[in-house]
C-alpha atoms as a PDB file:
ATOM      1  CA  UNK A   1       0.000   0.000   0.000  1.00  0.00           C
ATOM      2  CA  UNK A   2       2.825   2.391   0.902  1.00  0.00           C
ATOM      3  CA  UNK A   3       4.678   1.715  -2.387  1.00  0.00           C
ATOM      4  CA  UNK A   4       1.492   2.130  -4.408  1.00  0.00           C
ATOM      5  CA  UNK A   5       0.727   5.410  -2.632  1.00  0.00           C
ATOM      6  CA  UNK A   6       4.248   6.696  -3.290  1.00  0.00           C
ATOM      7  CA  UNK A   7       3.982   5.769  -6.970  1.00  0.00           C
ATOM      8  CA  UNK A   8       0.641   7.563  -7.241  1.00  0.00           C
ATOM      9  CA  UNK A   9       2.060  10.677  -5.553  1.00  0.00           C
ATOM     10  CA  UNK A  10       5.017  10.655  -7.944  1.00  0.00           C
ATOM     11  CA  UNK A  11       2.674  10.356 -10.917  1.00  0.00           C
ATOM     12  CA  UNK A  12       0.498  13.257  -9.711  1.00  0.00           C
ATOM     13  CA  UNK A  13       3.576  15.447  -9.150  1.00  0.00           C
ATOM     14  CA  UNK A  14       4.863  14.658 -12.648  1.00  0.00           C
ATOM     15  CA  UNK A  15       1.530  15.533 -14.237  1.00  0.00           C
ATOM     16  CA  UNK A  16       1.298  18.798 -12.273  1.00  0.00           C
ATOM     17  CA  UNK A  17       4.856  19.801 -13.219  1.00  0.00           C
ATOM     18  CA  UNK A  18       4.262  18.834 -16.844  1.00  0.00           C
ATOM     19  CA  UNK A  19       1.042  20.870 -16.969  1.00  0.00           C
ATOM     20  CA  UNK A  20       2.753  23.963 -15.509  1.00  0.00           C
ATOM     21  CA  UNK A  21       5.688  23.656 -17.889  1.00  0.00           C
ATOM     22  CA  UNK A  22       3.477  23.229 -20.942  1.00  0.00           C
ATOM     23  CA  UNK A  23       1.356  26.214 -19.921  1.00  0.00           C
ATOM     24  CA  UNK A  24       4.415  28.406 -19.356  1.00  0.00           C
ATOM     25  CA  UNK A  25       3.435  28.888 -15.705  1.00  0.00           C
ATOM     26  CA  UNK A  26       6.470  27.249 -14.140  1.00  0.00           C
ATOM     27  CA  UNK A  27       8.663  29.564 -12.053  1.00  0.00           C
ATOM     28  CA  UNK A  28      12.097  28.682 -10.681  1.00  0.00           C
ATOM     29  CA  UNK A  29      12.745  29.474  -7.011  1.00  0.00           C
ATOM     30  CA  UNK A  30      16.364  30.559  -6.621  1.00  0.00           C
ATOM     31  CA  UNK A  31      18.119  30.616  -3.282  1.00  0.00           C
ATOM     32  CA  UNK A  32      21.598  30.067  -1.893  1.00  0.00           C
ATOM     33  CA  UNK A  33      22.431  26.495  -0.883  1.00  0.00           C
ATOM     34  CA  UNK A  34      25.344  24.183  -0.136  1.00  0.00           C
ATOM     35  CA  UNK A  35      25.970  22.238  -3.336  1.00  0.00           C
ATOM     36  CA  UNK A  36      27.846  19.346  -1.738  1.00  0.00           C
ATOM     37  CA  UNK A  37      25.204  18.865   0.951  1.00  0.00           C
ATOM     38  CA  UNK A  38      22.632  18.697  -1.840  1.00  0.00           C
ATOM     39  CA  UNK A  39      24.671  15.942  -3.506  1.00  0.00           C
ATOM     40  CA  UNK A  40      24.945  14.081  -0.187  1.00  0.00           C
ATOM     41  CA  UNK A  41      21.146  14.215   0.074  1.00  0.00           C
ATOM     42  CA  UNK A  42      20.718  12.876  -3.469  1.00  0.00           C
ATOM     43  CA  UNK A  43      23.234  10.097  -2.824  1.00  0.00           C
ATOM     44  CA  UNK A  44      21.553   9.036   0.424  1.00  0.00           C
ATOM     45  CA  UNK A  45      18.177   8.888  -1.362  1.00  0.00           C
ATOM     46  CA  UNK A  46      19.430   6.331  -3.873  1.00  0.00           C
ATOM     47  CA  UNK A  47      22.222   4.438  -2.111  1.00  0.00           C
ATOM     48  CA  UNK A  48      20.049   1.786  -0.470  1.00  0.00           C
ATOM     49  CA  UNK A  49      18.108   0.815  -3.584  1.00  0.00           C
ATOM     50  CA  UNK A  50      21.233   0.772  -5.755  1.00  0.00           C
ATOM     51  CA  UNK A  51      23.332  -1.297  -3.348  1.00  0.00           C
ATOM     52  CA  UNK A  52      20.341  -3.583  -2.743  1.00  0.00           C
ATOM     53  CA  UNK A  53      20.561  -4.515  -6.432  1.00  0.00           C
ATOM     54  CA  UNK A  54      24.239  -5.341  -5.958  1.00  0.00           C
ATOM     55  CA  UNK A  55      25.420  -2.313  -7.945  1.00  0.00           C
ATOM     56  CA  UNK A  56      28.282   0.054  -7.194  1.00  0.00           C
ATOM     57  CA  UNK A  57      27.396   3.735  -6.778  1.00  0.00           C
ATOM     58  CA  UNK A  58      29.859   6.597  -7.194  1.00  0.00           C
ATOM     59  CA  UNK A  59      29.328  10.355  -6.819  1.00  0.00           C
ATOM     60  CA  UNK A  60      32.297  12.562  -7.745  1.00  0.00           C
ATOM     61  CA  UNK A  61      32.500  16.359  -7.524  1.00  0.00           C
ATOM     62  CA  UNK A  62      35.457  18.128  -9.125  1.00  0.00           C
ATOM     63  CA  UNK A  63      37.386  20.521  -6.813  1.00  0.00           C
ATOM     64  CA  UNK A  64      36.598  23.641  -8.877  1.00  0.00           C
ATOM     65  CA  UNK A  65      32.838  23.239  -8.275  1.00  0.00           C
ATOM     66  CA  UNK A  66      31.865  25.963  -5.760  1.00  0.00           C
ATOM     67  CA  UNK A  67      30.698  25.013  -2.289  1.00  0.00           C
ATOM     68  CA  UNK A  68      27.724  27.388  -2.279  1.00  0.00           C
ATOM     69  CA  UNK A  69      25.632  28.428  -5.265  1.00  0.00           C
ATOM     70  CA  UNK A  70      22.388  30.277  -5.958  1.00  0.00           C
ATOM     71  CA  UNK A  71      19.770  28.401  -7.947  1.00  0.00           C
ATOM     72  CA  UNK A  72      16.708  26.189  -7.706  1.00  0.00           C
ATOM     73  CA  UNK A  73      18.020  23.368  -5.530  1.00  0.00           C
ATOM     74  CA  UNK A  74      14.737  21.429  -5.630  1.00  0.00           C
ATOM     75  CA  UNK A  75      14.681  21.301  -9.434  1.00  0.00           C
ATOM     76  CA  UNK A  76      18.341  20.299  -9.773  1.00  0.00           C
ATOM     77  CA  UNK A  77      17.598  17.485  -7.316  1.00  0.00           C
ATOM     78  CA  UNK A  78      14.513  16.543  -9.346  1.00  0.00           C
ATOM     79  CA  UNK A  79      16.530  16.174 -12.553  1.00  0.00           C
ATOM     80  CA  UNK A  80      19.223  14.120 -10.792  1.00  0.00           C
ATOM     81  CA  UNK A  81      16.592  11.932  -9.128  1.00  0.00           C
ATOM     82  CA  UNK A  82      14.955  11.229 -12.491  1.00  0.00           C
ATOM     83  CA  UNK A  83      18.226  10.264 -14.156  1.00  0.00           C
ATOM     84  CA  UNK A  84      19.546   8.166 -11.254  1.00  0.00           C
ATOM     85  CA  UNK A  85      16.188   6.416 -10.839  1.00  0.00           C
ATOM     86  CA  UNK A  86      16.180   5.552 -14.558  1.00  0.00           C
ATOM     87  CA  UNK A  87      19.744   4.268 -14.326  1.00  0.00           C
ATOM     88  CA  UNK A  88      18.808   2.116 -11.335  1.00  0.00           C
ATOM     89  CA  UNK A  89      15.708   0.787 -13.050  1.00  0.00           C
ATOM     90  CA  UNK A  90      17.523  -0.337 -16.197  1.00  0.00           C
ATOM     91  CA  UNK A  91      20.765  -1.607 -14.641  1.00  0.00           C
ATOM     92  CA  UNK A  92      21.084  -5.063 -13.113  1.00  0.00           C
ATOM     93  CA  UNK A  93      24.871  -5.559 -13.144  1.00  0.00           C
ATOM     94  CA  UNK A  94      27.764  -3.137 -12.744  1.00  0.00           C
ATOM     95  CA  UNK A  95      27.636   0.444 -11.553  1.00  0.00           C
ATOM     96  CA  UNK A  96      26.014   3.851 -11.622  1.00  0.00           C
ATOM     97  CA  UNK A  97      28.187   6.953 -11.501  1.00  0.00           C
ATOM     98  CA  UNK A  98      27.433  10.659 -11.088  1.00  0.00           C
ATOM     99  CA  UNK A  99      30.125  13.236 -11.911  1.00  0.00           C
ATOM    100  CA  UNK A 100      29.955  17.026 -11.693  1.00  0.00           C
ATOM    101  CA  UNK A 101      32.413  19.626 -12.991  1.00  0.00           C
ATOM    102  CA  UNK A 102      32.370  23.385 -13.610  1.00  0.00           C
ATOM    103  CA  UNK A 103      32.732  24.049 -17.329  1.00  0.00           C
ATOM    104  CA  UNK A 104      32.390  27.840 -17.534  1.00  0.00           C
ATOM    105  CA  UNK A 105      32.283  30.983 -15.422  1.00  0.00           C
ATOM    106  CA  UNK A 106      31.234  34.482 -16.479  1.00  0.00           C
ATOM    107  CA  UNK A 107      31.513  37.011 -13.658  1.00  0.00           C
ATOM    108  CA  UNK A 108      29.207  35.685 -10.911  1.00  0.00           C
ATOM    109  CA  UNK A 109      27.563  32.964 -13.035  1.00  0.00           C
ATOM    110  CA  UNK A 110      28.889  29.433 -13.449  1.00  0.00           C
ATOM    111  CA  UNK A 111      27.939  26.506 -15.665  1.00  0.00           C
ATOM    112  CA  UNK A 112      27.827  23.153 -13.875  1.00  0.00           C
ATOM    113  CA  UNK A 113      28.018  20.018 -16.011  1.00  0.00           C
ATOM    114  CA  UNK A 114      26.614  16.685 -14.796  1.00  0.00           C
ATOM    115  CA  UNK A 115      27.153  13.130 -16.040  1.00  0.00           C
ATOM    116  CA  UNK A 116      24.997  10.190 -14.988  1.00  0.00           C
ATOM    117  CA  UNK A 117      26.288   6.912 -16.412  1.00  0.00           C
ATOM    118  CA  UNK A 118      25.209   3.313 -15.984  1.00  0.00           C
ATOM    119  CA  UNK A 119      26.088  -0.162 -17.247  1.00  0.00           C
ATOM    120  CA  UNK A 120      22.472  -1.071 -17.982  1.00  0.00           C
ATOM    121  CA  UNK A 121      20.522  -2.369 -20.972  1.00  0.00           C
ATOM    122  CA  UNK A 122      21.299   0.649 -23.159  1.00  0.00           C
ATOM    123  CA  UNK A 123      19.250   2.102 -25.999  1.00  0.00           C
ATOM    124  CA  UNK A 124      19.593   1.780 -29.768  1.00  0.00           C
ATOM    125  CA  UNK A 125      20.392   4.926 -31.761  1.00  0.00           C
ATOM    126  CA  UNK A 126      17.057   4.878 -33.599  1.00  0.00           C
ATOM    127  CA  UNK A 127      15.199   5.041 -30.281  1.00  0.00           C
ATOM    128  CA  UNK A 128      17.217   7.812 -28.601  1.00  0.00           C
ATOM    129  CA  UNK A 129      15.020  10.580 -30.052  1.00  0.00           C
ATOM    130  CA  UNK A 130      11.971   9.156 -28.250  1.00  0.00           C
ATOM    131  CA  UNK A 131      13.441   9.609 -24.781  1.00  0.00           C
ATOM    132  CA  UNK A 132      12.615  13.276 -24.218  1.00  0.00           C
ATOM    133  CA  UNK A 133       9.134  13.213 -25.741  1.00  0.00           C
ATOM    134  CA  UNK A 134       6.152  13.398 -23.363  1.00  0.00           C
ATOM    135  CA  UNK A 135       4.420  10.116 -22.485  1.00  0.00           C
ATOM    136  CA  UNK A 136       6.973   8.264 -24.601  1.00  0.00           C
ATOM    137  CA  UNK A 137       9.160   5.279 -23.880  1.00  0.00           C
ATOM    138  CA  UNK A 138      11.395   3.260 -26.180  1.00  0.00           C
ATOM    139  CA  UNK A 139       8.721   0.606 -26.676  1.00  0.00           C
ATOM    140  CA  UNK A 140       5.632  -0.766 -24.970  1.00  0.00           C
ATOM    141  CA  UNK A 141       7.529  -3.663 -23.409  1.00  0.00           C
ATOM    142  CA  UNK A 142       9.629  -1.183 -21.409  1.00  0.00           C
ATOM    143  CA  UNK A 143       6.514   0.227 -19.759  1.00  0.00           C
ATOM    144  CA  UNK A 144       5.153  -3.241 -19.012  1.00  0.00           C
ATOM    145  CA  UNK A 145       8.403  -4.567 -17.551  1.00  0.00           C
ATOM    146  CA  UNK A 146       9.804  -1.505 -15.768  1.00  0.00           C
ATOM    147  CA  UNK A 147       6.818   0.808 -15.285  1.00  0.00           C
ATOM    148  CA  UNK A 148       6.904   4.588 -15.578  1.00  0.00           C
ATOM    149  CA  UNK A 149       4.860   7.255 -17.352  1.00  0.00           C
ATOM    150  CA  UNK A 150       7.371   8.534 -19.899  1.00  0.00           C
ATOM    151  CA  UNK A 151       7.173  12.032 -18.361  1.00  0.00           C
ATOM    152  CA  UNK A 152      10.327  12.153 -16.225  1.00  0.00           C
ATOM    153  CA  UNK A 153      12.828  12.831 -18.998  1.00  0.00           C
ATOM    154  CA  UNK A 154      10.579  15.337 -20.767  1.00  0.00           C
ATOM    155  CA  UNK A 155      10.161  17.253 -17.501  1.00  0.00           C
ATOM    156  CA  UNK A 156      13.910  17.055 -16.855  1.00  0.00           C
ATOM    157  CA  UNK A 157      14.647  18.487 -20.310  1.00  0.00           C
ATOM    158  CA  UNK A 158      12.299  21.427 -19.770  1.00  0.00           C
ATOM    159  CA  UNK A 159      13.667  22.118 -16.271  1.00  0.00           C
ATOM    160  CA  UNK A 160      17.265  22.096 -17.518  1.00  0.00           C
ATOM    161  CA  UNK A 161      16.377  24.491 -20.333  1.00  0.00           C
ATOM    162  CA  UNK A 162      14.713  26.823 -17.819  1.00  0.00           C
ATOM    163  CA  UNK A 163      18.063  26.889 -16.024  1.00  0.00           C
ATOM    164  CA  UNK A 164      19.765  27.963 -19.304  1.00  0.00           C
ATOM    165  CA  UNK A 165      21.233  24.508 -19.851  1.00  0.00           C
ATOM    166  CA  UNK A 166      20.819  21.513 -22.124  1.00  0.00           C
ATOM    167  CA  UNK A 167      20.548  17.747 -21.786  1.00  0.00           C
ATOM    168  CA  UNK A 168      21.870  14.968 -24.002  1.00  0.00           C
ATOM    169  CA  UNK A 169      22.168  11.189 -24.027  1.00  0.00           C
ATOM    170  CA  UNK A 170      24.534   8.668 -25.564  1.00  0.00           C
ATOM    171  CA  UNK A 171      23.914   4.962 -25.435  1.00  0.00           C
ATOM    172  CA  UNK A 172      24.492   1.589 -27.052  1.00  0.00           C
ATOM    173  CA  UNK A 173      22.398  -1.570 -26.519  1.00  0.00           C
ATOM    174  CA  UNK A 174      23.886  -3.735 -23.752  1.00  0.00           C
ATOM    175  CA  UNK A 175      26.679  -1.225 -23.144  1.00  0.00           C
ATOM    176  CA  UNK A 176      24.999   1.247 -20.806  1.00  0.00           C
ATOM    177  CA  UNK A 177      23.793   4.821 -21.078  1.00  0.00           C
ATOM    178  CA  UNK A 178      25.335   8.227 -20.415  1.00  0.00           C
ATOM    179  CA  UNK A 179      23.122  11.237 -19.708  1.00  0.00           C
ATOM    180  CA  UNK A 180      24.757  14.642 -19.565  1.00  0.00           C
ATOM    181  CA  UNK A 181      23.203  17.963 -18.667  1.00  0.00           C
ATOM    182  CA  UNK A 182      24.274  21.473 -17.764  1.00  0.00           C
ATOM    183  CA  UNK A 183      22.722  24.249 -15.684  1.00  0.00           C
ATOM    184  CA  UNK A 184      23.791  27.812 -14.961  1.00  0.00           C
ATOM    185  CA  UNK A 185      23.859  28.976 -11.354  1.00  0.00           C
ATOM    186  CA  UNK A 186      24.803  32.239  -9.683  1.00  0.00           C
ATOM    187  CA  UNK A 187      27.672  32.525  -7.233  1.00  0.00           C
ATOM    188  CA  UNK A 188      27.368  34.321  -3.887  1.00  0.00           C
ATOM    189  CA  UNK A 189      30.009  36.941  -3.104  1.00  0.00           C
ATOM    190  CA  UNK A 190      31.910  34.455  -0.943  1.00  0.00           C
ATOM    191  CA  UNK A 191      32.393  32.171  -3.964  1.00  0.00           C
ATOM    192  CA  UNK A 192      32.547  34.510  -6.974  1.00  0.00           C
ATOM    193  CA  UNK A 193      36.175  35.502  -6.406  1.00  0.00           C
ATOM    194  CA  UNK A 194      37.506  32.249  -4.962  1.00  0.00           C
ATOM    195  CA  UNK A 195      38.442  30.588  -8.259  1.00  0.00           C
ATOM    196  CA  UNK A 196      37.553  30.943 -11.906  1.00  0.00           C
ATOM    197  CA  UNK A 197      39.036  27.531 -12.789  1.00  0.00           C
ATOM    198  CA  UNK A 198      36.967  25.447 -15.195  1.00  0.00           C
ATOM    199  CA  UNK A 199      37.137  22.066 -16.931  1.00  0.00           C
ATOM    200  CA  UNK A 200      37.018  21.681 -20.711  1.00  0.00           C
ATOM    201  CA  UNK A 201      33.627  20.111 -21.383  1.00  0.00           C
ATOM    202  CA  UNK A 202      34.547  18.248 -24.575  1.00  0.00           C
ATOM    203  CA  UNK A 203      37.694  16.750 -23.060  1.00  0.00           C
ATOM    204  CA  UNK A 204      35.799  15.719 -19.927  1.00  0.00           C
ATOM    205  CA  UNK A 205      32.985  14.163 -21.972  1.00  0.00           C
ATOM    206  CA  UNK A 206      35.383  12.319 -24.269  1.00  0.00           C
ATOM    207  CA  UNK A 207      37.260  10.922 -21.285  1.00  0.00           C
ATOM    208  CA  UNK A 208      34.000   9.774 -19.685  1.00  0.00           C
ATOM    209  CA  UNK A 209      32.912   8.104 -22.939  1.00  0.00           C
ATOM    210  CA  UNK A 210      36.257   6.322 -23.158  1.00  0.00           C
ATOM    211  CA  UNK A 211      35.901   5.064 -19.592  1.00  0.00           C
ATOM    212  CA  UNK A 212      32.325   3.951 -20.342  1.00  0.00           C
ATOM    213  CA  UNK A 213      33.481   1.930 -23.373  1.00  0.00           C
ATOM    214  CA  UNK A 214      36.195   0.273 -21.304  1.00  0.00           C
ATOM    215  CA  UNK A 215      33.627  -0.652 -18.662  1.00  0.00           C
END
């Protein structure tokens, strides 16, 4: 009963968010928060279920990522939850990894780049374009076997774009999936002048893809 109630609540929340986004009524709520504590919260939410499946779970934050940022913490968490939950759902052997780097900084604004990779069932190239469409999954058997509404990734895409970012996916059948997304956040005065160091996005992504291919 508890699991069914939680699933129903999740479905209702997705439909409400989707409706607001489609109607152009969605408003981000920006505030200052501790980025690493947010990641600890996300990790603790998923650790039990992932380790229960016998999977390894890694969360890595690059040193140049600021400690405190200004943005919509709830919506960044929502996107991460969607991607990690999908990775957990479709992975039965291996690992799930989350990596975050800072890829750009302009004055008091910074671009944070996220990777969520898994060693799951993967997706064929011809089906990748279906992932971000509303109420869409790769095929009907996915919905029957794994459940889901097909709204999570569409909502994630719209949320990321509201935060001036973008989302992408690369995958091969039986070789896992790699989701990447970026968001722009503001830096409080205590962080804006600490360091302007950034990581080259293309080099970071290529290295991650190489590691994914090597398993």
